[in-house]
Amino acid sequence: MTSVDALATTEVCSHTTRGRRTGHPHRIEIWFVVHNEGAYLLSDSDRADRYRNLVADPSVTLEIGGERRRTTATPVERADPSNAIVRPAMVAKYQAGYGDDLNRWSRTAWAVRIEWPDV
């Protein structure tokens, strides 16, 4: 059993949601950062399918570095104090390998926290 902190340097995670209309599984790879025993993801918009699927059904399978957990996702409110850590951490982790400035994106994106339960 690996802690999520031990997986924090993994480049991307994968998560599988259930389509809110179709009920079919949808798996994507996405950037993430670790904070407070969870994985945080950012979405460009609250209209993105992956974000809307998580809001409609918070049950998700999260995979990081070959470790997999059935867990739940929760939208992060703008006033949540974790934003002050998570958003700059996302920029710090990915900016060097990305051409555009990620600062504005990190401030305006919609955040989601996915629990990393002990198995």
N, C-alpha and C. Protein backbone atom coordinates (compact mmCIF):
# COMPACT_ATOMS: atom_id res chain seq x y z
N MET A 1 0.85 -1.18 0.00
CA MET A 1 0.00 0.00 0.00
C MET A 1 0.89 1.24 0.00
N THR A 2 0.76 2.05 -1.03
CA THR A 2 1.60 3.24 -1.19
C THR A 2 0.80 4.48 -0.83
N SER A 3 1.41 5.36 -0.07
CA SER A 3 0.73 6.61 0.26
C SER A 3 0.71 7.50 -0.97
N VAL A 4 -0.25 8.39 -1.02
CA VAL A 4 -0.34 9.31 -2.15
C VAL A 4 0.86 10.27 -2.15
N ASP A 5 1.39 10.59 -0.98
CA ASP A 5 2.56 11.46 -0.92
C ASP A 5 3.75 10.83 -1.63
N ALA A 6 3.90 9.51 -1.52
CA ALA A 6 5.00 8.82 -2.18
C ALA A 6 4.85 8.81 -3.70
N LEU A 7 3.64 9.08 -4.18
CA LEU A 7 3.37 9.08 -5.63
C LEU A 7 3.33 10.49 -6.22
N ALA A 8 3.59 11.49 -5.42
CA ALA A 8 3.41 12.89 -5.82
C ALA A 8 4.24 13.31 -7.02
N THR A 9 5.39 12.69 -7.23
CA THR A 9 6.24 13.09 -8.36
C THR A 9 5.88 12.37 -9.66
N THR A 10 4.92 11.47 -9.62
CA THR A 10 4.44 10.81 -10.84
C THR A 10 3.92 11.89 -11.79
N GLU A 11 4.22 11.75 -13.07
CA GLU A 11 3.90 12.81 -14.04
C GLU A 11 2.40 13.07 -14.17
N VAL A 12 1.60 12.04 -14.37
CA VAL A 12 0.16 12.21 -14.53
C VAL A 12 -0.56 11.11 -13.76
N CYS A 13 -1.84 11.34 -13.53
CA CYS A 13 -2.69 10.30 -12.97
C CYS A 13 -3.76 9.99 -14.02
N SER A 14 -4.46 8.91 -13.81
CA SER A 14 -5.61 8.56 -14.64
C SER A 14 -6.82 8.48 -13.73
N HIS A 15 -7.94 8.92 -14.25
CA HIS A 15 -9.16 8.68 -13.49
C HIS A 15 -10.26 8.26 -14.43
N THR A 16 -11.11 7.41 -13.90
CA THR A 16 -12.24 6.91 -14.67
C THR A 16 -13.51 7.34 -13.98
N THR A 17 -14.35 8.02 -14.74
CA THR A 17 -15.66 8.46 -14.24
C THR A 17 -16.74 7.72 -15.03
N ARG A 18 -17.95 7.88 -14.59
CA ARG A 18 -19.09 7.32 -15.30
C ARG A 18 -19.77 8.49 -16.01
N GLY A 19 -20.03 8.32 -17.31
CA GLY A 19 -20.70 9.36 -18.08
C GLY A 19 -22.05 9.70 -17.49
N ARG A 20 -22.31 10.97 -17.31
CA ARG A 20 -23.56 11.39 -16.67
C ARG A 20 -24.78 11.10 -17.52
N ARG A 21 -24.62 11.00 -18.83
CA ARG A 21 -25.75 10.68 -19.72
C ARG A 21 -25.75 9.22 -20.13
N THR A 22 -24.59 8.71 -20.49
CA THR A 22 -24.51 7.36 -21.05
C THR A 22 -24.32 6.27 -20.00
N GLY A 23 -23.71 6.64 -18.88
CA GLY A 23 -23.38 5.64 -17.87
C GLY A 23 -22.12 4.85 -18.21
N HIS A 24 -21.50 5.13 -19.34
CA HIS A 24 -20.29 4.42 -19.76
C HIS A 24 -19.07 4.99 -19.04
N PRO A 25 -18.08 4.14 -18.78
CA PRO A 25 -16.86 4.64 -18.14
C PRO A 25 -16.06 5.52 -19.09
N HIS A 26 -15.48 6.57 -18.53
CA HIS A 26 -14.61 7.49 -19.26
C HIS A 26 -13.30 7.62 -18.51
N ARG A 27 -12.20 7.20 -19.15
CA ARG A 27 -10.87 7.25 -18.53
C ARG A 27 -10.04 8.31 -19.23
N ILE A 28 -9.39 9.16 -18.42
CA ILE A 28 -8.49 10.16 -18.97
C ILE A 28 -7.21 10.20 -18.14
N GLU A 29 -6.14 10.70 -18.75
CA GLU A 29 -4.92 11.04 -18.03
C GLU A 29 -4.93 12.54 -17.82
N ILE A 30 -4.46 12.96 -16.66
CA ILE A 30 -4.54 14.37 -16.32
C ILE A 30 -3.44 14.74 -15.32
N TRP A 31 -3.04 15.99 -15.34
CA TRP A 31 -2.09 16.51 -14.37
C TRP A 31 -2.73 16.46 -12.98
N PHE A 32 -1.89 16.36 -11.97
CA PHE A 32 -2.38 16.37 -10.60
C PHE A 32 -1.29 16.84 -9.66
N VAL A 33 -1.68 17.27 -8.49
CA VAL A 33 -0.77 17.51 -7.38
C VAL A 33 -1.38 16.86 -6.14
N VAL A 34 -0.52 16.58 -5.20
CA VAL A 34 -0.93 15.92 -3.96
C VAL A 34 -0.93 16.95 -2.84
N HIS A 35 -1.98 16.87 -2.03
CA HIS A 35 -2.07 17.72 -0.84
C HIS A 35 -3.05 17.06 0.13
N ASN A 36 -2.66 17.00 1.38
CA ASN A 36 -3.56 16.56 2.44
C ASN A 36 -4.22 15.21 2.13
N GLU A 37 -3.39 14.23 1.74
CA GLU A 37 -3.84 12.85 1.47
C GLU A 37 -4.85 12.74 0.32
N GLY A 38 -4.76 13.65 -0.63
CA GLY A 38 -5.64 13.58 -1.80
C GLY A 38 -4.92 14.07 -3.04
N ALA A 39 -5.50 13.76 -4.18
CA ALA A 39 -5.00 14.25 -5.47
C ALA A 39 -5.91 15.39 -5.92
N TYR A 40 -5.30 16.47 -6.34
CA TYR A 40 -6.06 17.62 -6.82
C TYR A 40 -5.84 17.77 -8.31
N LEU A 41 -6.93 17.98 -9.03
CA LEU A 41 -6.92 18.15 -10.47
C LEU A 41 -7.51 19.51 -10.79
N LEU A 42 -7.13 20.08 -11.91
CA LEU A 42 -7.73 21.33 -12.36
C LEU A 42 -8.36 21.13 -13.72
N SER A 43 -9.52 21.73 -13.90
CA SER A 43 -10.24 21.65 -15.16
C SER A 43 -10.44 23.05 -15.71
N ASP A 44 -10.25 23.21 -17.02
CA ASP A 44 -10.38 24.52 -17.64
C ASP A 44 -11.75 25.16 -17.40
N SER A 45 -12.76 24.33 -17.29
CA SER A 45 -14.12 24.85 -17.23
C SER A 45 -15.02 23.94 -16.41
N ASP A 46 -16.05 24.54 -15.82
CA ASP A 46 -17.05 23.72 -15.14
C ASP A 46 -18.00 23.08 -16.16
N ARG A 47 -17.79 23.37 -17.44
CA ARG A 47 -18.59 22.78 -18.53
C ARG A 47 -17.89 21.58 -19.17
N ALA A 48 -16.64 21.33 -18.79
CA ALA A 48 -15.89 20.19 -19.34
C ALA A 48 -16.56 18.89 -18.91
N ASP A 49 -16.65 17.94 -19.82
CA ASP A 49 -17.30 16.67 -19.52
C ASP A 49 -16.72 15.99 -18.29
N ARG A 50 -15.39 15.97 -18.18
CA ARG A 50 -14.78 15.28 -17.04
C ARG A 50 -15.20 15.91 -15.72
N TYR A 51 -15.31 17.23 -15.69
CA TYR A 51 -15.74 17.92 -14.48
C TYR A 51 -17.22 17.64 -14.20
N ARG A 52 -18.03 17.76 -15.21
CA ARG A 52 -19.47 17.53 -15.05
C ARG A 52 -19.78 16.09 -14.66
N ASN A 53 -19.02 15.13 -15.19
CA ASN A 53 -19.20 13.74 -14.80
C ASN A 53 -18.89 13.52 -13.32
N LEU A 54 -17.82 14.15 -12.84
CA LEU A 54 -17.46 14.02 -11.43
C LEU A 54 -18.50 14.65 -10.51
N VAL A 55 -19.06 15.76 -10.93
CA VAL A 55 -20.09 16.41 -10.12
C VAL A 55 -21.37 15.56 -10.10
N ALA A 56 -21.74 15.00 -11.25
CA ALA A 56 -22.95 14.18 -11.34
C ALA A 56 -22.83 12.88 -10.56
N ASP A 57 -21.65 12.27 -10.58
CA ASP A 57 -21.41 11.01 -9.87
C ASP A 57 -19.99 11.06 -9.33
N PRO A 58 -19.83 11.34 -8.05
CA PRO A 58 -18.48 11.50 -7.49
C PRO A 58 -17.68 10.21 -7.34
N SER A 59 -18.26 9.06 -7.66
CA SER A 59 -17.52 7.80 -7.61
C SER A 59 -16.52 7.79 -8.76
N VAL A 60 -15.27 7.48 -8.45
CA VAL A 60 -14.21 7.53 -9.44
C VAL A 60 -13.17 6.46 -9.13
N THR A 61 -12.51 5.99 -10.16
CA THR A 61 -11.32 5.16 -9.97
C THR A 61 -10.12 6.03 -10.30
N LEU A 62 -9.21 6.13 -9.34
CA LEU A 62 -8.02 6.96 -9.50
C LEU A 62 -6.81 6.05 -9.55
N GLU A 63 -5.94 6.28 -10.55
CA GLU A 63 -4.73 5.50 -10.69
C GLU A 63 -3.53 6.43 -10.77
N ILE A 64 -2.56 6.17 -9.89
CA ILE A 64 -1.32 6.95 -9.87
C ILE A 64 -0.16 5.97 -9.75
N GLY A 65 0.75 6.01 -10.70
CA GLY A 65 1.94 5.18 -10.63
C GLY A 65 1.66 3.70 -10.47
N GLY A 66 0.63 3.20 -11.11
CA GLY A 66 0.29 1.79 -11.03
C GLY A 66 -0.55 1.41 -9.83
N GLU A 67 -0.76 2.32 -8.91
CA GLU A 67 -1.64 2.10 -7.75
C GLU A 67 -3.04 2.56 -8.12
N ARG A 68 -4.04 1.80 -7.74
CA ARG A 68 -5.42 2.12 -8.12
C ARG A 68 -6.33 2.10 -6.89
N ARG A 69 -7.22 3.08 -6.83
CA ARG A 69 -8.19 3.16 -5.74
C ARG A 69 -9.57 3.49 -6.29
N ARG A 70 -10.61 2.84 -5.76
CA ARG A 70 -11.99 3.26 -5.96
C ARG A 70 -12.25 4.28 -4.87
N THR A 71 -12.72 5.46 -5.25
CA THR A 71 -12.79 6.54 -4.28
C THR A 71 -13.84 7.56 -4.69
N THR A 72 -13.78 8.75 -4.12
CA THR A 72 -14.75 9.80 -4.44
C THR A 72 -14.04 11.11 -4.74
N ALA A 73 -14.70 11.91 -5.54
CA ALA A 73 -14.20 13.24 -5.93
C ALA A 73 -15.14 14.31 -5.38
N THR A 74 -14.56 15.45 -5.06
CA THR A 74 -15.33 16.57 -4.53
C THR A 74 -14.85 17.86 -5.17
N PRO A 75 -15.75 18.66 -5.74
CA PRO A 75 -15.33 19.98 -6.23
C PRO A 75 -14.77 20.81 -5.07
N VAL A 76 -13.75 21.59 -5.35
CA VAL A 76 -13.13 22.44 -4.34
C VAL A 76 -13.68 23.85 -4.51
N GLU A 77 -14.29 24.35 -3.48
CA GLU A 77 -14.86 25.71 -3.52
C GLU A 77 -13.74 26.74 -3.62
N ARG A 78 -14.02 27.87 -4.24
CA ARG A 78 -13.02 28.93 -4.42
C ARG A 78 -12.45 29.42 -3.09
N ALA A 79 -13.26 29.41 -2.04
CA ALA A 79 -12.82 29.90 -0.73
C ALA A 79 -12.05 28.85 0.08
N ASP A 80 -11.94 27.64 -0.41
CA ASP A 80 -11.24 26.57 0.30
C ASP A 80 -9.76 26.95 0.45
N PRO A 81 -9.21 26.87 1.67
CA PRO A 81 -7.81 27.25 1.88
C PRO A 81 -6.81 26.38 1.11
N SER A 82 -7.19 25.19 0.69
CA SER A 82 -6.26 24.34 -0.06
C SER A 82 -5.86 24.97 -1.38
N ASN A 83 -6.68 25.86 -1.92
CA ASN A 83 -6.35 26.53 -3.18
C ASN A 83 -5.02 27.28 -3.12
N ALA A 84 -4.72 27.86 -1.97
CA ALA A 84 -3.48 28.63 -1.80
C ALA A 84 -2.24 27.74 -1.94
N ILE A 85 -2.39 26.44 -1.75
CA ILE A 85 -1.28 25.51 -1.87
C ILE A 85 -1.34 24.77 -3.20
N VAL A 86 -2.51 24.29 -3.54
CA VAL A 86 -2.68 23.42 -4.71
C VAL A 86 -2.42 24.15 -6.03
N ARG A 87 -2.96 25.31 -6.20
CA ARG A 87 -2.84 26.01 -7.47
C ARG A 87 -1.39 26.40 -7.79
N PRO A 88 -0.65 27.01 -6.86
CA PRO A 88 0.77 27.28 -7.15
C PRO A 88 1.58 25.98 -7.32
N ALA A 89 1.21 24.93 -6.61
CA ALA A 89 1.93 23.65 -6.74
C ALA A 89 1.75 23.07 -8.14
N MET A 90 0.58 23.25 -8.71
CA MET A 90 0.33 22.77 -10.07
C MET A 90 1.24 23.50 -11.06
N VAL A 91 1.35 24.80 -10.91
CA VAL A 91 2.23 25.58 -11.79
C VAL A 91 3.68 25.14 -11.59
N ALA A 92 4.10 24.99 -10.35
CA ALA A 92 5.48 24.59 -10.07
C ALA A 92 5.81 23.22 -10.67
N LYS A 93 4.87 22.30 -10.61
CA LYS A 93 5.11 20.95 -11.10
C LYS A 93 5.17 20.88 -12.63
N TYR A 94 4.36 21.68 -13.33
CA TYR A 94 4.21 21.50 -14.78
C TYR A 94 4.71 22.64 -15.66
N GLN A 95 5.00 23.81 -15.10
CA GLN A 95 5.36 24.96 -15.93
C GLN A 95 6.60 24.72 -16.80
N ALA A 96 7.62 24.09 -16.25
CA ALA A 96 8.87 23.91 -17.00
C ALA A 96 8.67 23.14 -18.30
N GLY A 97 7.73 22.23 -18.34
CA GLY A 97 7.51 21.44 -19.54
C GLY A 97 6.39 21.93 -20.42
N TYR A 98 5.87 23.13 -20.13
CA TYR A 98 4.72 23.64 -20.86
C TYR A 98 5.06 25.01 -21.43
N GLY A 99 4.71 25.26 -22.68
CA GLY A 99 5.09 26.50 -23.36
C GLY A 99 4.41 27.75 -22.87
N ASP A 100 3.12 27.69 -22.59
CA ASP A 100 2.38 28.88 -22.16
C ASP A 100 2.48 29.06 -20.65
N ASP A 101 2.16 30.27 -20.20
CA ASP A 101 2.17 30.58 -18.77
C ASP A 101 0.96 29.92 -18.10
N LEU A 102 1.20 29.10 -17.11
CA LEU A 102 0.12 28.38 -16.43
C LEU A 102 -0.48 29.15 -15.25
N ASN A 103 0.06 30.30 -14.92
CA ASN A 103 -0.42 31.03 -13.75
C ASN A 103 -1.88 31.44 -13.85
N ARG A 104 -2.27 32.05 -14.96
CA ARG A 104 -3.67 32.47 -15.10
C ARG A 104 -4.59 31.26 -15.08
N TRP A 105 -4.22 30.23 -15.83
CA TRP A 105 -5.01 28.99 -15.84
C TRP A 105 -5.20 28.44 -14.43
N SER A 106 -4.12 28.40 -13.66
CA SER A 106 -4.22 27.82 -12.32
C SER A 106 -5.13 28.64 -11.41
N ARG A 107 -5.20 29.93 -11.64
CA ARG A 107 -6.07 30.78 -10.82
C ARG A 107 -7.54 30.66 -11.19
N THR A 108 -7.83 30.39 -12.47
CA THR A 108 -9.22 30.40 -12.92
C THR A 108 -9.83 29.01 -13.12
N ALA A 109 -9.00 27.97 -13.14
CA ALA A 109 -9.49 26.62 -13.37
C ALA A 109 -10.37 26.15 -12.21
N TRP A 110 -11.16 25.14 -12.48
CA TRP A 110 -12.05 24.52 -11.49
C TRP A 110 -11.31 23.35 -10.86
N ALA A 111 -11.21 23.36 -9.55
CA ALA A 111 -10.43 22.34 -8.84
C ALA A 111 -11.33 21.22 -8.32
N VAL A 112 -10.76 20.03 -8.31
CA VAL A 112 -11.43 18.84 -7.78
C VAL A 112 -10.43 18.12 -6.89
N ARG A 113 -10.91 17.64 -5.77
CA ARG A 113 -10.09 16.83 -4.87
C ARG A 113 -10.59 15.39 -4.94
N ILE A 114 -9.66 14.45 -5.13
CA ILE A 114 -10.00 13.04 -5.14
C ILE A 114 -9.30 12.38 -3.97
N GLU A 115 -10.08 11.76 -3.12
CA GLU A 115 -9.55 11.07 -1.94
C GLU A 115 -8.61 9.94 -2.36
N TRP A 116 -7.60 9.67 -1.55
CA TRP A 116 -6.71 8.54 -1.74
C TRP A 116 -6.80 7.67 -0.49
N PRO A 117 -7.80 6.79 -0.45
CA PRO A 117 -8.01 6.02 0.79
C PRO A 117 -6.95 4.94 1.00
N ASP A 118 -6.71 4.63 2.27
CA ASP A 118 -5.88 3.47 2.60
C ASP A 118 -6.63 2.22 2.19
N VAL A 119 -5.90 1.25 1.72
CA VAL A 119 -6.55 0.01 1.28
C VAL A 119 -6.36 -1.06 2.33
